[in-house]
């Protein structure tokens, strides 16, 4: 049971950091009120899943670092498309706009999180 709580807590930091960063970025792009809820909802779908996959790959596999980075890159592309579809629906916009929002927000969040 203690492992469960430590896992949940370790997932909270990247989730909250991502929500804050992507919220600020998307607020600038979309310029609508109340985007925090949509950004939080979208990241609640994608962020814990991808972080659990990262944790599994680093803890329980013997893949090389380059293989892990290739898998991470593929997963990030999947996340961009999933979040793009969700933003299209939530912001009632075109598919291309949802994808662009997702791409910019994810790229900058990924970059900023490495700088912190």
N, C-alpha and C. Protein backbone atom coordinates (compact mmCIF):
# COMPACT_ATOMS: atom_id res chain seq x y z
N UNK A 1 0.82 -1.19 0.00
CA UNK A 1 0.00 0.00 0.00
C UNK A 1 0.86 1.26 0.00
N UNK A 2 2.01 1.21 0.70
CA UNK A 2 2.91 2.35 0.75
C UNK A 2 3.48 2.65 -0.64
N UNK A 3 3.77 1.61 -1.44
CA UNK A 3 4.25 1.81 -2.80
C UNK A 3 3.23 2.52 -3.66
N UNK A 4 1.96 2.19 -3.44
CA UNK A 4 0.89 2.84 -4.20
C UNK A 4 0.90 4.34 -3.96
N UNK A 5 0.95 4.75 -2.70
CA UNK A 5 0.93 6.18 -2.37
C UNK A 5 2.18 6.89 -2.84
N UNK A 6 3.32 6.25 -2.75
CA UNK A 6 4.54 6.88 -3.24
C UNK A 6 4.50 7.04 -4.76
N UNK A 7 3.91 6.08 -5.45
CA UNK A 7 3.74 6.19 -6.90
C UNK A 7 2.81 7.34 -7.26
N UNK A 8 1.69 7.42 -6.55
CA UNK A 8 0.73 8.50 -6.81
C UNK A 8 1.38 9.85 -6.56
N UNK A 9 2.09 9.99 -5.46
CA UNK A 9 2.75 11.26 -5.15
C UNK A 9 3.82 11.60 -6.18
N UNK A 10 4.54 10.60 -6.64
CA UNK A 10 5.59 10.87 -7.63
C UNK A 10 5.00 11.25 -8.99
N UNK A 11 3.75 10.90 -9.24
CA UNK A 11 3.08 11.29 -10.48
C UNK A 11 2.46 12.68 -10.38
N UNK A 12 2.25 13.16 -9.17
CA UNK A 12 1.59 14.45 -8.98
C UNK A 12 2.47 15.62 -9.43
N UNK A 13 3.76 15.57 -9.13
CA UNK A 13 4.64 16.68 -9.50
C UNK A 13 4.67 16.91 -11.02
N UNK A 14 4.96 15.88 -11.82
CA UNK A 14 4.97 16.14 -13.27
C UNK A 14 3.59 16.55 -13.80
N UNK A 15 2.53 16.00 -13.21
CA UNK A 15 1.18 16.36 -13.65
C UNK A 15 0.90 17.83 -13.36
N UNK A 16 1.15 18.27 -12.14
CA UNK A 16 0.89 19.66 -11.78
C UNK A 16 1.78 20.62 -12.56
N UNK A 17 3.04 20.27 -12.72
CA UNK A 17 3.96 21.10 -13.49
C UNK A 17 3.48 21.24 -14.94
N UNK A 18 3.07 20.13 -15.53
CA UNK A 18 2.59 20.14 -16.91
C UNK A 18 1.31 20.97 -17.04
N UNK A 19 0.39 20.80 -16.10
CA UNK A 19 -0.86 21.56 -16.15
C UNK A 19 -0.57 23.06 -16.07
N UNK A 20 0.29 23.46 -15.16
CA UNK A 20 0.61 24.89 -15.01
C UNK A 20 1.25 25.44 -16.28
N UNK A 21 2.25 24.75 -16.79
CA UNK A 21 2.96 25.24 -17.98
C UNK A 21 2.03 25.27 -19.19
N UNK A 22 1.32 24.16 -19.42
CA UNK A 22 0.45 24.12 -20.59
C UNK A 22 -0.72 25.09 -20.47
N UNK A 23 -1.21 25.29 -19.26
CA UNK A 23 -2.28 26.27 -19.07
C UNK A 23 -1.82 27.66 -19.50
N UNK A 24 -0.64 28.07 -19.05
CA UNK A 24 -0.14 29.40 -19.40
C UNK A 24 0.05 29.53 -20.91
N UNK A 25 0.58 28.51 -21.53
CA UNK A 25 0.82 28.53 -22.97
C UNK A 25 -0.51 28.56 -23.73
N UNK A 26 -1.42 27.68 -23.37
CA UNK A 26 -2.70 27.57 -24.09
C UNK A 26 -3.55 28.81 -23.85
N UNK A 27 -3.47 29.39 -22.66
CA UNK A 27 -4.21 30.63 -22.39
C UNK A 27 -3.77 31.72 -23.35
N UNK A 28 -2.47 31.79 -23.63
CA UNK A 28 -1.97 32.78 -24.58
C UNK A 28 -2.43 32.48 -26.01
N UNK A 29 -2.52 31.20 -26.36
CA UNK A 29 -2.90 30.82 -27.72
C UNK A 29 -4.40 30.97 -27.93
N UNK A 30 -5.18 30.42 -27.03
CA UNK A 30 -6.63 30.32 -27.22
C UNK A 30 -7.34 31.63 -26.85
N UNK A 31 -6.86 32.28 -25.82
CA UNK A 31 -7.43 33.55 -25.36
C UNK A 31 -8.91 33.46 -25.02
N UNK A 32 -9.28 32.35 -24.41
CA UNK A 32 -10.64 32.18 -23.91
C UNK A 32 -10.57 32.09 -22.40
N UNK A 33 -11.68 32.34 -21.78
CA UNK A 33 -11.74 32.19 -20.33
C UNK A 33 -11.97 30.73 -19.99
N UNK A 34 -11.55 30.37 -18.82
CA UNK A 34 -11.82 29.05 -18.26
C UNK A 34 -11.15 27.90 -19.00
N UNK A 35 -9.93 28.09 -19.47
CA UNK A 35 -9.22 26.99 -20.13
C UNK A 35 -8.51 26.08 -19.13
N UNK A 36 -8.37 26.52 -17.89
CA UNK A 36 -7.66 25.70 -16.90
C UNK A 36 -8.32 24.34 -16.73
N UNK A 37 -9.63 24.31 -16.67
CA UNK A 37 -10.35 23.04 -16.52
C UNK A 37 -10.11 22.10 -17.69
N UNK A 38 -10.13 22.63 -18.90
CA UNK A 38 -9.89 21.80 -20.07
C UNK A 38 -8.46 21.28 -20.11
N UNK A 39 -7.51 22.15 -19.80
CA UNK A 39 -6.11 21.74 -19.79
C UNK A 39 -5.88 20.67 -18.72
N UNK A 40 -6.46 20.87 -17.55
CA UNK A 40 -6.31 19.89 -16.48
C UNK A 40 -6.93 18.55 -16.87
N UNK A 41 -8.12 18.59 -17.46
CA UNK A 41 -8.80 17.35 -17.88
C UNK A 41 -7.98 16.59 -18.91
N UNK A 42 -7.50 17.29 -19.91
CA UNK A 42 -6.70 16.65 -20.97
C UNK A 42 -5.44 16.03 -20.38
N UNK A 43 -4.77 16.75 -19.50
CA UNK A 43 -3.54 16.22 -18.91
C UNK A 43 -3.79 15.12 -17.90
N UNK A 44 -4.95 15.10 -17.29
CA UNK A 44 -5.30 13.98 -16.41
C UNK A 44 -5.45 12.69 -17.20
N UNK A 45 -5.79 12.82 -18.47
CA UNK A 45 -5.93 11.65 -19.34
C UNK A 45 -4.55 11.15 -19.80
N UNK A 46 -3.69 12.06 -20.21
CA UNK A 46 -2.46 11.65 -20.87
C UNK A 46 -1.23 11.59 -19.96
N UNK A 47 -1.09 12.55 -19.06
CA UNK A 47 0.15 12.66 -18.28
C UNK A 47 0.43 11.48 -17.36
N UNK A 48 -0.52 11.04 -16.54
CA UNK A 48 -0.22 9.89 -15.68
C UNK A 48 0.10 8.63 -16.48
N UNK A 49 -0.60 8.45 -17.59
CA UNK A 49 -0.36 7.25 -18.41
C UNK A 49 1.06 7.24 -18.95
N UNK A 50 1.49 8.34 -19.52
CA UNK A 50 2.83 8.36 -20.11
C UNK A 50 3.91 8.29 -19.03
N UNK A 51 3.67 8.90 -17.88
CA UNK A 51 4.66 8.83 -16.80
C UNK A 51 4.75 7.44 -16.19
N UNK A 52 3.64 6.72 -16.13
CA UNK A 52 3.69 5.33 -15.67
C UNK A 52 4.46 4.45 -16.66
N UNK A 53 4.28 4.71 -17.94
CA UNK A 53 5.03 3.96 -18.95
C UNK A 53 6.53 4.26 -18.83
N UNK A 54 6.88 5.55 -18.66
CA UNK A 54 8.29 5.92 -18.46
C UNK A 54 8.86 5.19 -17.25
N UNK A 55 8.12 5.23 -16.15
CA UNK A 55 8.58 4.59 -14.90
C UNK A 55 8.80 3.09 -15.12
N UNK A 56 7.89 2.45 -15.82
CA UNK A 56 8.03 1.01 -16.10
C UNK A 56 9.27 0.75 -16.94
N UNK A 57 9.46 1.54 -17.99
CA UNK A 57 10.59 1.32 -18.88
C UNK A 57 11.92 1.45 -18.14
N UNK A 58 12.03 2.43 -17.28
CA UNK A 58 13.28 2.64 -16.55
C UNK A 58 13.49 1.64 -15.43
N UNK A 59 12.42 1.13 -14.86
CA UNK A 59 12.53 0.25 -13.70
C UNK A 59 12.59 -1.24 -14.05
N UNK A 60 11.85 -1.65 -15.06
CA UNK A 60 11.66 -3.07 -15.28
C UNK A 60 12.14 -3.59 -16.63
N UNK A 61 12.79 -2.76 -17.41
CA UNK A 61 13.26 -3.23 -18.70
C UNK A 61 14.77 -3.09 -18.79
N UNK A 62 15.34 -3.80 -19.73
CA UNK A 62 16.78 -3.71 -19.97
C UNK A 62 17.05 -3.09 -21.33
N UNK A 63 16.14 -2.22 -21.77
CA UNK A 63 16.34 -1.55 -23.04
C UNK A 63 17.49 -0.56 -22.95
N UNK A 64 18.14 -0.33 -24.06
CA UNK A 64 19.22 0.66 -24.10
C UNK A 64 18.60 2.06 -24.00
N UNK A 65 19.42 3.02 -23.64
CA UNK A 65 18.94 4.40 -23.54
C UNK A 65 18.37 4.90 -24.86
N UNK A 66 19.03 4.55 -25.97
CA UNK A 66 18.53 5.01 -27.27
C UNK A 66 17.18 4.38 -27.60
N UNK A 67 16.97 3.14 -27.22
CA UNK A 67 15.68 2.49 -27.45
C UNK A 67 14.60 3.15 -26.61
N UNK A 68 14.94 3.46 -25.37
CA UNK A 68 13.97 4.13 -24.50
C UNK A 68 13.60 5.50 -25.07
N UNK A 69 14.59 6.26 -25.54
CA UNK A 69 14.29 7.58 -26.11
C UNK A 69 13.47 7.46 -27.39
N UNK A 70 13.68 6.42 -28.18
CA UNK A 70 12.85 6.20 -29.36
C UNK A 70 11.40 5.93 -28.96
N UNK A 71 11.21 5.12 -27.93
CA UNK A 71 9.86 4.82 -27.46
C UNK A 71 9.21 6.07 -26.88
N UNK A 72 9.96 6.84 -26.12
CA UNK A 72 9.44 8.07 -25.55
C UNK A 72 9.01 9.03 -26.66
N UNK A 73 9.80 9.13 -27.70
CA UNK A 73 9.46 10.01 -28.82
C UNK A 73 8.16 9.58 -29.48
N UNK A 74 8.00 8.29 -29.67
CA UNK A 74 6.76 7.77 -30.26
C UNK A 74 5.58 8.06 -29.35
N UNK A 75 5.76 7.83 -28.05
CA UNK A 75 4.67 8.10 -27.09
C UNK A 75 4.31 9.58 -27.06
N UNK A 76 5.30 10.45 -27.14
CA UNK A 76 5.02 11.89 -27.15
C UNK A 76 4.22 12.29 -28.40
N UNK A 77 4.52 11.68 -29.52
CA UNK A 77 3.75 11.95 -30.74
C UNK A 77 2.31 11.49 -30.56
N UNK A 78 2.12 10.33 -29.96
CA UNK A 78 0.77 9.83 -29.67
C UNK A 78 0.04 10.80 -28.74
N UNK A 79 0.73 11.29 -27.72
CA UNK A 79 0.12 12.24 -26.78
C UNK A 79 -0.30 13.51 -27.51
N UNK A 80 0.53 14.02 -28.41
CA UNK A 80 0.18 15.23 -29.16
C UNK A 80 -1.11 15.00 -29.95
N UNK A 81 -1.24 13.85 -30.58
CA UNK A 81 -2.45 13.58 -31.36
C UNK A 81 -3.68 13.38 -30.47
N UNK A 82 -3.52 12.67 -29.36
CA UNK A 82 -4.65 12.47 -28.43
C UNK A 82 -5.09 13.81 -27.85
N UNK A 83 -4.13 14.59 -27.37
CA UNK A 83 -4.48 15.89 -26.81
C UNK A 83 -5.03 16.82 -27.88
N UNK A 84 -4.51 16.74 -29.08
CA UNK A 84 -5.05 17.55 -30.18
C UNK A 84 -6.52 17.24 -30.43
N UNK A 85 -6.85 15.97 -30.43
CA UNK A 85 -8.25 15.57 -30.62
C UNK A 85 -9.12 16.07 -29.46
N UNK A 86 -8.59 15.97 -28.24
CA UNK A 86 -9.36 16.44 -27.09
C UNK A 86 -9.53 17.96 -27.11
N UNK A 87 -8.49 18.69 -27.48
CA UNK A 87 -8.61 20.15 -27.58
C UNK A 87 -9.56 20.56 -28.71
N UNK A 88 -9.55 19.83 -29.80
CA UNK A 88 -10.50 20.10 -30.88
C UNK A 88 -11.93 20.03 -30.35
N UNK A 89 -12.20 18.99 -29.60
CA UNK A 89 -13.54 18.79 -29.05
C UNK A 89 -13.84 19.82 -27.96
N UNK A 90 -12.93 20.02 -27.02
CA UNK A 90 -13.20 20.90 -25.88
C UNK A 90 -13.26 22.38 -26.27
N UNK A 91 -12.44 22.80 -27.23
CA UNK A 91 -12.43 24.19 -27.65
C UNK A 91 -13.31 24.43 -28.88
N UNK A 92 -13.95 23.37 -29.36
CA UNK A 92 -14.84 23.45 -30.52
C UNK A 92 -14.15 24.17 -31.68
N UNK A 93 -13.03 23.60 -32.08
CA UNK A 93 -12.22 24.19 -33.13
C UNK A 93 -11.93 23.14 -34.20
N UNK A 94 -11.20 23.52 -35.21
CA UNK A 94 -10.82 22.58 -36.26
C UNK A 94 -9.75 21.61 -35.74
N UNK A 95 -9.69 20.47 -36.39
CA UNK A 95 -8.69 19.46 -36.02
C UNK A 95 -7.28 20.04 -36.08
N UNK A 96 -6.99 20.80 -37.13
CA UNK A 96 -5.64 21.36 -37.27
C UNK A 96 -5.32 22.33 -36.14
N UNK A 97 -6.29 23.09 -35.68
CA UNK A 97 -6.05 24.02 -34.57
C UNK A 97 -5.80 23.26 -33.27
N UNK A 98 -6.59 22.23 -33.02
CA UNK A 98 -6.38 21.41 -31.83
C UNK A 98 -5.00 20.78 -31.83
N UNK A 99 -4.58 20.31 -33.00
CA UNK A 99 -3.26 19.68 -33.13
C UNK A 99 -2.13 20.69 -32.92
N UNK A 100 -2.29 21.88 -33.47
CA UNK A 100 -1.27 22.93 -33.30
C UNK A 100 -1.17 23.36 -31.84
N UNK A 101 -2.32 23.53 -31.19
CA UNK A 101 -2.34 23.87 -29.76
C UNK A 101 -1.58 22.81 -28.97
N UNK A 102 -1.90 21.56 -29.23
CA UNK A 102 -1.26 20.45 -28.51
C UNK A 102 0.23 20.39 -28.80
N UNK A 103 0.61 20.55 -30.03
CA UNK A 103 2.02 20.48 -30.41
C UNK A 103 2.84 21.58 -29.73
N UNK A 104 2.35 22.81 -29.79
CA UNK A 104 3.07 23.93 -29.18
C UNK A 104 3.14 23.75 -27.66
N UNK A 105 2.01 23.44 -27.04
CA UNK A 105 1.96 23.31 -25.58
C UNK A 105 2.86 22.18 -25.11
N UNK A 106 2.81 21.04 -25.77
CA UNK A 106 3.63 19.90 -25.36
C UNK A 106 5.11 20.14 -25.58
N UNK A 107 5.45 20.73 -26.70
CA UNK A 107 6.86 21.00 -26.99
C UNK A 107 7.44 21.96 -25.96
N UNK A 108 6.73 23.06 -25.69
CA UNK A 108 7.24 24.03 -24.73
C UNK A 108 7.23 23.47 -23.30
N UNK A 109 6.21 22.71 -22.94
CA UNK A 109 6.18 22.11 -21.59
C UNK A 109 7.33 21.13 -21.42
N UNK A 110 7.60 20.35 -22.44
CA UNK A 110 8.70 19.40 -22.40
C UNK A 110 10.03 20.14 -22.24
N UNK A 111 10.21 21.19 -23.00
CA UNK A 111 11.44 21.99 -22.96
C UNK A 111 11.59 22.67 -21.59
N UNK A 112 10.55 23.31 -21.11
CA UNK A 112 10.60 24.02 -19.82
C UNK A 112 10.84 23.05 -18.67
N UNK A 113 10.21 21.88 -18.73
CA UNK A 113 10.39 20.93 -17.62
C UNK A 113 11.84 20.44 -17.53
N UNK A 114 12.54 20.36 -18.65
CA UNK A 114 13.95 19.99 -18.62
C UNK A 114 14.83 21.13 -18.08
N UNK A 115 14.40 22.35 -18.32
CA UNK A 115 15.17 23.49 -17.83
C UNK A 115 15.00 23.69 -16.33
N UNK A 116 13.87 23.22 -15.79
CA UNK A 116 13.66 23.34 -14.35
C UNK A 116 14.36 22.22 -13.68
